[in-house]
Structures are given as structure tokens and as C-alpha cells.
Amino acid sequence: MDTDFSEEEIKEALIECKIPVIKLNRMVRMRDGIPTPLPMYYLETPNTPDGKRMYDIRYLLDMRVRIVTYKGRPGPVQCFQCQRFGHTQKACHNK
């Protein structure tokens, strides 16, 4: 999706298509500490037949879209401060 659309506009368009929306967030990439919006969104719907109909959507807001299942990062979380596994830099207590 184009980054010109707000999350609220996209959410309203999905509701018009009878797709129940639990959560909709724009994905961002951090570059030099500055968040840059990506043309991708994280969409969470209930695990119901109506929620699964989101995969049938081909056009939204006059744009061609592709909805795929989210695949998180592979492997365990690793801290960038101490290089240990199981926590992130924000939660690191090691010095």
C-alpha cells in the first residue's frame, strides 16, 4: 500500500469490505535512529471465517494489494549490547 494513506483510511476500507479488524499498524524501518514508514502494514483479524476473508482481497482503495501471513524473524531474540540470547538491548541488564 502507498504510504500516503493513513491507518484509519485503510481500516475503514477493510471494514467496508466486511473484514473485522483487531489491529492495523504501519511497519517501519529504523535508519540511523529515524523511523522510515514502509509500504507494508501488520493486520490482525479474529480467527473466524470473516477474518480469513482478508486473504481474498485483491484491491483496496483502488490499489492492488497482496495479503500474506506474517512470518516473524527466525530464531531466538539476541541482545545487540551483550550478544546473549533471550532478551533485547532495551531489557539488557549486563554491562
C-alpha atoms as a PDB file:
ATOM      1  CA  MET A   1       0.000   0.000   0.000  1.00  0.00           C
ATOM      2  CA  ASP A   2       1.065   3.542  -0.624  1.00  0.00           C
ATOM      3  CA  THR A   3       2.323   5.400   2.434  1.00  0.00           C
ATOM      4  CA  ASP A   4       0.007   8.337   1.593  1.00  0.00           C
ATOM      5  CA  PHE A   5      -2.961   6.522   3.147  1.00  0.00           C
ATOM      6  CA  SER A   6      -3.485   6.786   6.888  1.00  0.00           C
ATOM      7  CA  GLU A   7      -4.053   3.711   9.017  1.00  0.00           C
ATOM      8  CA  GLU A   8      -7.576   4.953   9.723  1.00  0.00           C
ATOM      9  CA  GLU A   9      -8.430   5.175   5.987  1.00  0.00           C
ATOM     10  CA  ILE A  10      -7.210   1.623   5.413  1.00  0.00           C
ATOM     11  CA  LYS A  11      -9.065   0.352   8.470  1.00  0.00           C
ATOM     12  CA  GLU A  12     -12.309   1.964   7.256  1.00  0.00           C
ATOM     13  CA  ALA A  13     -11.854   0.427   3.787  1.00  0.00           C
ATOM     14  CA  LEU A  14     -11.369  -3.024   5.333  1.00  0.00           C
ATOM     15  CA  ILE A  15     -14.485  -2.608   7.471  1.00  0.00           C
ATOM     16  CA  GLU A  16     -16.435  -1.628   4.326  1.00  0.00           C
ATOM     17  CA  CYS A  17     -15.272  -4.956   2.836  1.00  0.00           C
ATOM     18  CA  LYS A  18     -16.762  -6.688   5.914  1.00  0.00           C
ATOM     19  CA  ILE A  19     -13.316  -7.575   7.330  1.00  0.00           C
ATOM     20  CA  PRO A  20     -13.245  -7.267  11.147  1.00  0.00           C
ATOM     21  CA  VAL A  21     -10.045  -5.501  12.222  1.00  0.00           C
ATOM     22  CA  ILE A  22      -8.447  -6.039  15.634  1.00  0.00           C
ATOM     23  CA  LYS A  23      -5.181  -4.210  14.937  1.00  0.00           C
ATOM     24  CA  LEU A  24      -3.645  -2.376  11.974  1.00  0.00           C
ATOM     25  CA  ASN A  25      -0.128  -0.924  12.195  1.00  0.00           C
ATOM     26  CA  ARG A  26       2.199   0.515   9.576  1.00  0.00           C
ATOM     27  CA  MET A  27       5.556  -1.244   9.541  1.00  0.00           C
ATOM     28  CA  VAL A  28       8.661   0.944   9.839  1.00  0.00           C
ATOM     29  CA  ARG A  29      12.374   0.519   9.275  1.00  0.00           C
ATOM     30  CA  MET A  30      14.858   2.276  11.507  1.00  0.00           C
ATOM     31  CA  ARG A  31      17.644   4.063   9.624  1.00  0.00           C
ATOM     32  CA  ASP A  32      20.174   5.945  11.771  1.00  0.00           C
ATOM     33  CA  GLY A  33      17.601   6.110  14.560  1.00  0.00           C
ATOM     34  CA  ILE A  34      14.967   7.645  12.283  1.00  0.00           C
ATOM     35  CA  PRO A  35      11.811   5.587  11.614  1.00  0.00           C
ATOM     36  CA  THR A  36      11.004   5.330   7.899  1.00  0.00           C
ATOM     37  CA  PRO A  37       7.476   4.133   7.025  1.00  0.00           C
ATOM     38  CA  LEU A  38       7.304   1.105   4.751  1.00  0.00           C
ATOM     39  CA  PRO A  39       4.516   0.366   2.251  1.00  0.00           C
ATOM     40  CA  MET A  40       3.528  -2.637   4.428  1.00  0.00           C
ATOM     41  CA  TYR A  41       1.048  -2.998   7.254  1.00  0.00           C
ATOM     42  CA  TYR A  42       0.528  -5.513  10.038  1.00  0.00           C
ATOM     43  CA  LEU A  43      -3.145  -6.541  10.078  1.00  0.00           C
ATOM     44  CA  GLU A  44      -4.654  -8.630  12.857  1.00  0.00           C
ATOM     45  CA  THR A  45      -8.145 -10.095  12.427  1.00  0.00           C
ATOM     46  CA  PRO A  46     -10.168 -12.560  14.501  1.00  0.00           C
ATOM     47  CA  ASN A  47      -9.732 -16.249  13.716  1.00  0.00           C
ATOM     48  CA  THR A  48     -13.190 -16.502  12.152  1.00  0.00           C
ATOM     49  CA  PRO A  49     -14.420 -17.083   8.589  1.00  0.00           C
ATOM     50  CA  ASP A  50     -14.961 -13.308   8.229  1.00  0.00           C
ATOM     51  CA  GLY A  51     -11.401 -12.641   9.392  1.00  0.00           C
ATOM     52  CA  LYS A  52      -9.962 -15.198   6.977  1.00  0.00           C
ATOM     53  CA  ARG A  53     -11.719 -13.480   4.053  1.00  0.00           C
ATOM     54  CA  MET A  54      -8.948 -10.852   4.153  1.00  0.00           C
ATOM     55  CA  TYR A  55      -6.849 -13.220   2.018  1.00  0.00           C
ATOM     56  CA  ASP A  56      -9.436 -12.900  -0.778  1.00  0.00           C
ATOM     57  CA  ILE A  57      -8.949  -9.130  -1.124  1.00  0.00           C
ATOM     58  CA  ARG A  58      -7.126  -8.141  -4.315  1.00  0.00           C
ATOM     59  CA  TYR A  59      -7.898  -4.397  -4.453  1.00  0.00           C
ATOM     60  CA  LEU A  60      -8.228  -1.905  -1.614  1.00  0.00           C
ATOM     61  CA  LEU A  61      -8.637   1.861  -2.046  1.00  0.00           C
ATOM     62  CA  ASP A  62      -8.217   1.431  -5.819  1.00  0.00           C
ATOM     63  CA  MET A  63      -4.804  -0.182  -5.363  1.00  0.00           C
ATOM     64  CA  ARG A  64      -3.759  -3.758  -5.987  1.00  0.00           C
ATOM     65  CA  VAL A  65      -2.777  -5.377  -2.674  1.00  0.00           C
ATOM     66  CA  ARG A  66      -1.407  -8.720  -1.565  1.00  0.00           C
ATOM     67  CA  ILE A  67      -2.187 -10.034   1.903  1.00  0.00           C
ATOM     68  CA  VAL A  68       0.111 -12.748   3.239  1.00  0.00           C
ATOM     69  CA  THR A  69       0.564 -14.462   6.589  1.00  0.00           C
ATOM     70  CA  TYR A  70       3.099 -12.684   8.806  1.00  0.00           C
ATOM     71  CA  LYS A  71       6.338 -14.565   9.289  1.00  0.00           C
ATOM     72  CA  GLY A  72       8.304 -13.207  12.236  1.00  0.00           C
ATOM     73  CA  ARG A  73      12.055 -13.185  12.481  1.00  0.00           C
ATOM     74  CA  PRO A  74      13.567 -16.660  12.505  1.00  0.00           C
ATOM     75  CA  GLY A  75      15.465 -17.872  15.541  1.00  0.00           C
ATOM     76  CA  PRO A  76      15.655 -16.573  19.089  1.00  0.00           C
ATOM     77  CA  VAL A  77      15.929 -12.921  20.120  1.00  0.00           C
ATOM     78  CA  GLN A  78      19.502 -11.683  20.562  1.00  0.00           C
ATOM     79  CA  CYS A  79      20.735  -8.655  22.504  1.00  0.00           C
ATOM     80  CA  PHE A  80      22.895  -6.234  20.483  1.00  0.00           C
ATOM     81  CA  GLN A  81      24.622  -4.971  23.644  1.00  0.00           C
ATOM     82  CA  CYS A  82      25.902  -8.181  25.283  1.00  0.00           C
ATOM     83  CA  GLN A  83      25.264 -10.591  22.351  1.00  0.00           C
ATOM     84  CA  ARG A  84      23.402 -13.042  24.621  1.00  0.00           C
ATOM     85  CA  PHE A  85      20.157 -14.700  23.599  1.00  0.00           C
ATOM     86  CA  GLY A  86      16.715 -14.410  25.173  1.00  0.00           C
ATOM     87  CA  HIS A  87      16.429 -10.633  25.602  1.00  0.00           C
ATOM     88  CA  THR A  88      16.874  -7.403  23.654  1.00  0.00           C
ATOM     89  CA  GLN A  89      19.098  -4.369  24.171  1.00  0.00           C
ATOM     90  CA  LYS A  90      16.230  -2.457  25.823  1.00  0.00           C
ATOM     91  CA  ALA A  91      15.878  -5.131  28.519  1.00  0.00           C
ATOM     92  CA  CYS A  92      19.624  -5.815  28.943  1.00  0.00           C
ATOM     93  CA  HIS A  93      20.996  -5.734  32.497  1.00  0.00           C
ATOM     94  CA  ASN A  94      24.528  -6.861  31.563  1.00  0.00           C
ATOM     95  CA  LYS A  95      27.370  -4.366  31.270  1.00  0.00           C
END
